[in-house]
C-alpha atoms as a PDB file:
ATOM      1  CA  UNK A   1      77.121 128.178   6.678  1.00  0.00           C
ATOM      2  CA  UNK A   2      77.350 131.032   9.135  1.00  0.00           C
ATOM      3  CA  UNK A   3      77.109 134.574   7.848  1.00  0.00           C
ATOM      4  CA  UNK A   4      80.381 136.473   7.993  1.00  0.00           C
ATOM      5  CA  UNK A   5      80.645 140.177   8.767  1.00  0.00           C
ATOM      6  CA  UNK A   6      82.135 140.835   5.293  1.00  0.00           C
ATOM      7  CA  UNK A   7      79.244 139.122   3.525  1.00  0.00           C
ATOM      8  CA  UNK A   8      77.400 142.416   3.132  1.00  0.00           C
ATOM      9  CA  UNK A   9      80.441 144.018   1.500  1.00  0.00           C
ATOM     10  CA  UNK A  10      81.375 141.309  -0.926  1.00  0.00           C
ATOM     11  CA  UNK A  11      79.306 138.205  -1.486  1.00  0.00           C
ATOM     12  CA  UNK A  12      82.054 137.082  -3.859  1.00  0.00           C
ATOM     13  CA  UNK A  13      84.232 136.094  -0.886  1.00  0.00           C
ATOM     14  CA  UNK A  14      81.658 133.501   0.100  1.00  0.00           C
ATOM     15  CA  UNK A  15      81.198 132.479  -3.520  1.00  0.00           C
ATOM     16  CA  UNK A  16      84.936 132.001  -3.962  1.00  0.00           C
ATOM     17  CA  UNK A  17      85.126 129.978  -0.750  1.00  0.00           C
ATOM     18  CA  UNK A  18      82.243 127.798  -1.920  1.00  0.00           C
ATOM     19  CA  UNK A  19      83.995 127.147  -5.223  1.00  0.00           C
ATOM     20  CA  UNK A  20      87.200 126.241  -3.380  1.00  0.00           C
ATOM     21  CA  UNK A  21      85.242 123.947  -1.076  1.00  0.00           C
ATOM     22  CA  UNK A  22      83.606 122.221  -4.026  1.00  0.00           C
ATOM     23  CA  UNK A  23      86.934 121.565  -5.753  1.00  0.00           C
ATOM     24  CA  UNK A  24      88.531 120.429  -2.495  1.00  0.00           C
ATOM     25  CA  UNK A  25      85.664 118.013  -1.935  1.00  0.00           C
ATOM     26  CA  UNK A  26      86.253 116.548  -5.379  1.00  0.00           C
ATOM     27  CA  UNK A  27      90.010 116.218  -4.708  1.00  0.00           C
ATOM     28  CA  UNK A  28      89.400 114.570  -1.338  1.00  0.00           C
ATOM     29  CA  UNK A  29      86.947 112.074  -2.816  1.00  0.00           C
ATOM     30  CA  UNK A  30      89.179 111.356  -5.818  1.00  0.00           C
ATOM     31  CA  UNK A  31      92.177 110.590  -3.590  1.00  0.00           C
ATOM     32  CA  UNK A  32      90.404 108.793  -0.743  1.00  0.00           C
ATOM     33  CA  UNK A  33      90.902 105.215  -1.926  1.00  0.00           C
ATOM     34  CA  UNK A  34      94.558 105.668  -2.889  1.00  0.00           C
ATOM     35  CA  UNK A  35      95.315 107.550   0.336  1.00  0.00           C
ATOM     36  CA  UNK A  36      93.726 104.793   2.416  1.00  0.00           C
ATOM     37  CA  UNK A  37      95.847 102.196   0.612  1.00  0.00           C
ATOM     38  CA  UNK A  38      99.197 103.979   0.719  1.00  0.00           C
ATOM     39  CA  UNK A  39      99.486 106.460   3.570  1.00  0.00           C
ATOM     40  CA  UNK A  40      98.916 104.137   6.560  1.00  0.00           C
ATOM     41  CA  UNK A  41     101.714 101.856   5.309  1.00  0.00           C
ATOM     42  CA  UNK A  42     104.189 104.637   4.586  1.00  0.00           C
ATOM     43  CA  UNK A  43     107.420 104.303   6.573  1.00  0.00           C
ATOM     44  CA  UNK A  44     108.251 108.013   6.292  1.00  0.00           C
ATOM     45  CA  UNK A  45     104.922 109.876   6.107  1.00  0.00           C
ATOM     46  CA  UNK A  46     105.028 113.460   4.909  1.00  0.00           C
ATOM     47  CA  UNK A  47     102.908 114.399   7.943  1.00  0.00           C
ATOM     48  CA  UNK A  48     105.782 113.332  10.175  1.00  0.00           C
ATOM     49  CA  UNK A  49     108.184 115.797   8.567  1.00  0.00           C
ATOM     50  CA  UNK A  50     106.176 119.021   8.540  1.00  0.00           C
ATOM     51  CA  UNK A  51     105.148 121.641  11.053  1.00  0.00           C
ATOM     52  CA  UNK A  52     102.224 124.050  11.232  1.00  0.00           C
ATOM     53  CA  UNK A  53     101.104 124.593   7.647  1.00  0.00           C
ATOM     54  CA  UNK A  54      98.197 127.048   7.707  1.00  0.00           C
ATOM     55  CA  UNK A  55      98.789 130.220   5.731  1.00  0.00           C
ATOM     56  CA  UNK A  56      96.721 133.395   5.400  1.00  0.00           C
ATOM     57  CA  UNK A  57      94.763 131.995   2.448  1.00  0.00           C
ATOM     58  CA  UNK A  58      93.838 128.915   4.492  1.00  0.00           C
ATOM     59  CA  UNK A  59      92.583 131.160   7.271  1.00  0.00           C
ATOM     60  CA  UNK A  60      90.478 133.207   4.840  1.00  0.00           C
ATOM     61  CA  UNK A  61      89.061 130.096   3.185  1.00  0.00           C
ATOM     62  CA  UNK A  62      88.115 128.557   6.529  1.00  0.00           C
ATOM     63  CA  UNK A  63      86.537 131.790   7.713  1.00  0.00           C
ATOM     64  CA  UNK A  64      84.548 132.571   4.574  1.00  0.00           C
ATOM     65  CA  UNK A  65      83.440 128.984   4.033  1.00  0.00           C
ATOM     66  CA  UNK A  66      81.886 129.084   7.494  1.00  0.00           C
ATOM     67  CA  UNK A  67      84.298 126.626   9.085  1.00  0.00           C
ATOM     68  CA  UNK A  68      85.822 129.163  11.468  1.00  0.00           C
ATOM     69  CA  UNK A  69      89.443 129.615  12.357  1.00  0.00           C
ATOM     70  CA  UNK A  70      92.072 126.878  12.138  1.00  0.00           C
ATOM     71  CA  UNK A  71      92.423 124.676  15.183  1.00  0.00           C
ATOM     72  CA  UNK A  72      95.012 125.836  17.648  1.00  0.00           C
ATOM     73  CA  UNK A  73      98.412 124.239  17.401  1.00  0.00           C
ATOM     74  CA  UNK A  74      99.433 122.378  20.505  1.00  0.00           C
ATOM     75  CA  UNK A  75     102.630 123.398  22.237  1.00  0.00           C
ATOM     76  CA  UNK A  76     104.505 120.129  21.828  1.00  0.00           C
ATOM     77  CA  UNK A  77     108.010 120.289  20.457  1.00  0.00           C
ATOM     78  CA  UNK A  78     108.038 116.968  18.648  1.00  0.00           C
ATOM     79  CA  UNK A  79     108.662 116.833  14.918  1.00  0.00           C
ATOM     80  CA  UNK A  80     105.786 116.469  12.537  1.00  0.00           C
ATOM     81  CA  UNK A  81     102.320 117.822  12.151  1.00  0.00           C
ATOM     82  CA  UNK A  82     100.583 118.482  15.472  1.00  0.00           C
ATOM     83  CA  UNK A  83      97.358 117.068  14.000  1.00  0.00           C
ATOM     84  CA  UNK A  84      98.844 113.681  13.107  1.00  0.00           C
ATOM     85  CA  UNK A  85      97.334 111.080  15.385  1.00  0.00           C
ATOM     86  CA  UNK A  86      97.841 107.344  15.743  1.00  0.00           C
ATOM     87  CA  UNK A  87      95.180 106.717  13.082  1.00  0.00           C
ATOM     88  CA  UNK A  88      96.163 109.523  10.714  1.00  0.00           C
ATOM     89  CA  UNK A  89      95.059 113.123  10.500  1.00  0.00           C
ATOM     90  CA  UNK A  90      92.781 114.278  13.285  1.00  0.00           C
ATOM     91  CA  UNK A  91      91.379 117.171  11.229  1.00  0.00           C
ATOM     92  CA  UNK A  92      88.333 116.982   8.999  1.00  0.00           C
ATOM     93  CA  UNK A  93      89.554 116.866   5.387  1.00  0.00           C
ATOM     94  CA  UNK A  94      87.979 120.239   4.514  1.00  0.00           C
ATOM     95  CA  UNK A  95      89.716 121.901   7.478  1.00  0.00           C
ATOM     96  CA  UNK A  96      93.217 120.685   6.651  1.00  0.00           C
ATOM     97  CA  UNK A  97      95.858 123.128   5.472  1.00  0.00           C
ATOM     98  CA  UNK A  98      95.915 123.485   1.714  1.00  0.00           C
ATOM     99  CA  UNK A  99      99.482 122.163   1.586  1.00  0.00           C
ATOM    100  CA  UNK A 100      98.132 118.791   2.719  1.00  0.00           C
ATOM    101  CA  UNK A 101      95.833 118.625  -0.304  1.00  0.00           C
ATOM    102  CA  UNK A 102      98.400 119.926  -2.752  1.00  0.00           C
ATOM    103  CA  UNK A 103     101.237 117.536  -1.936  1.00  0.00           C
ATOM    104  CA  UNK A 104     101.154 114.162  -3.687  1.00  0.00           C
ATOM    105  CA  UNK A 105     104.202 111.964  -3.162  1.00  0.00           C
ATOM    106  CA  UNK A 106     105.436 109.555  -5.842  1.00  0.00           C
ATOM    107  CA  UNK A 107     103.903 106.522  -4.118  1.00  0.00           C
ATOM    108  CA  UNK A 108     100.494 108.177  -3.855  1.00  0.00           C
ATOM    109  CA  UNK A 109     100.709 109.362  -7.454  1.00  0.00           C
ATOM    110  CA  UNK A 110     101.407 105.788  -8.601  1.00  0.00           C
ATOM    111  CA  UNK A 111      98.424 104.536  -6.595  1.00  0.00           C
ATOM    112  CA  UNK A 112      96.219 107.218  -8.142  1.00  0.00           C
ATOM    113  CA  UNK A 113      97.454 106.340 -11.628  1.00  0.00           C
ATOM    114  CA  UNK A 114      96.718 102.643 -11.019  1.00  0.00           C
ATOM    115  CA  UNK A 115      93.110 103.532 -10.198  1.00  0.00           C
ATOM    116  CA  UNK A 116      92.686 105.685 -13.287  1.00  0.00           C
ATOM    117  CA  UNK A 117      95.504 106.785 -15.567  1.00  0.00           C
ATOM    118  CA  UNK A 118      94.210 110.346 -15.959  1.00  0.00           C
ATOM    119  CA  UNK A 119      93.522 110.889 -12.259  1.00  0.00           C
ATOM    120  CA  UNK A 120      96.864 112.529 -11.334  1.00  0.00           C
ATOM    121  CA  UNK A 121      96.453 114.997 -14.205  1.00  0.00           C
ATOM    122  CA  UNK A 122      92.865 115.738 -13.230  1.00  0.00           C
ATOM    123  CA  UNK A 123      93.988 116.360  -9.652  1.00  0.00           C
ATOM    124  CA  UNK A 124      96.787 118.654 -10.801  1.00  0.00           C
ATOM    125  CA  UNK A 125      94.280 120.700 -12.797  1.00  0.00           C
ATOM    126  CA  UNK A 126      91.921 120.930  -9.825  1.00  0.00           C
ATOM    127  CA  UNK A 127      94.842 122.040  -7.636  1.00  0.00           C
ATOM    128  CA  UNK A 128      95.751 124.752 -10.169  1.00  0.00           C
ATOM    129  CA  UNK A 129      92.124 125.901 -10.169  1.00  0.00           C
ATOM    130  CA  UNK A 130      92.101 125.996  -6.364  1.00  0.00           C
ATOM    131  CA  UNK A 131      95.370 127.968  -6.384  1.00  0.00           C
ATOM    132  CA  UNK A 132      93.802 130.576  -8.665  1.00  0.00           C
ATOM    133  CA  UNK A 133      90.665 130.797  -6.515  1.00  0.00           C
ATOM    134  CA  UNK A 134      92.731 131.140  -3.330  1.00  0.00           C
ATOM    135  CA  UNK A 135      94.727 133.965  -4.904  1.00  0.00           C
ATOM    136  CA  UNK A 136      91.524 135.700  -5.987  1.00  0.00           C
ATOM    137  CA  UNK A 137      90.008 135.279  -2.517  1.00  0.00           C
ATOM    138  CA  UNK A 138      93.084 136.845  -0.941  1.00  0.00           C
ATOM    139  CA  UNK A 139      93.185 139.711  -3.463  1.00  0.00           C
ATOM    140  CA  UNK A 140      89.507 140.549  -3.038  1.00  0.00           C
ATOM    141  CA  UNK A 141      89.835 140.435   0.726  1.00  0.00           C
ATOM    142  CA  UNK A 142      92.748 142.885   0.596  1.00  0.00           C
ATOM    143  CA  UNK A 143      90.763 145.157  -1.730  1.00  0.00           C
ATOM    144  CA  UNK A 144      87.963 145.317   0.826  1.00  0.00           C
ATOM    145  CA  UNK A 145      90.409 146.244   3.562  1.00  0.00           C
ATOM    146  CA  UNK A 146      92.043 149.028   1.558  1.00  0.00           C
END
């Protein structure tokens, strides 16, 4: 992980980012099998209906976790996510906008439930925990700036 210029002011920003990264890694791993089974066969993928999804908390997380800034959006005017390629998302899972991790459609939820009945609930709890950490990261960052 690269050292950020704010690391001397508040090591908690890096700590918060590391905690977010750890929970995201768990979510990604927990969903991987169900995503691989359902998303490629989806006739109306959520990725095809969205636009640029990075928000300020995503930018802070990427920066303080050492991943750098979000990739630049291309200038195309076609509908859907600019990072959706022929074989799925072209971004590394950890670098995807948080909205991509948070959204679970009904088909994916059913696939998750078929793998383990408690999995959707466990994922929802992890998402709530990530939400709280993202809010804290943003608040602490603003406190440093003020």
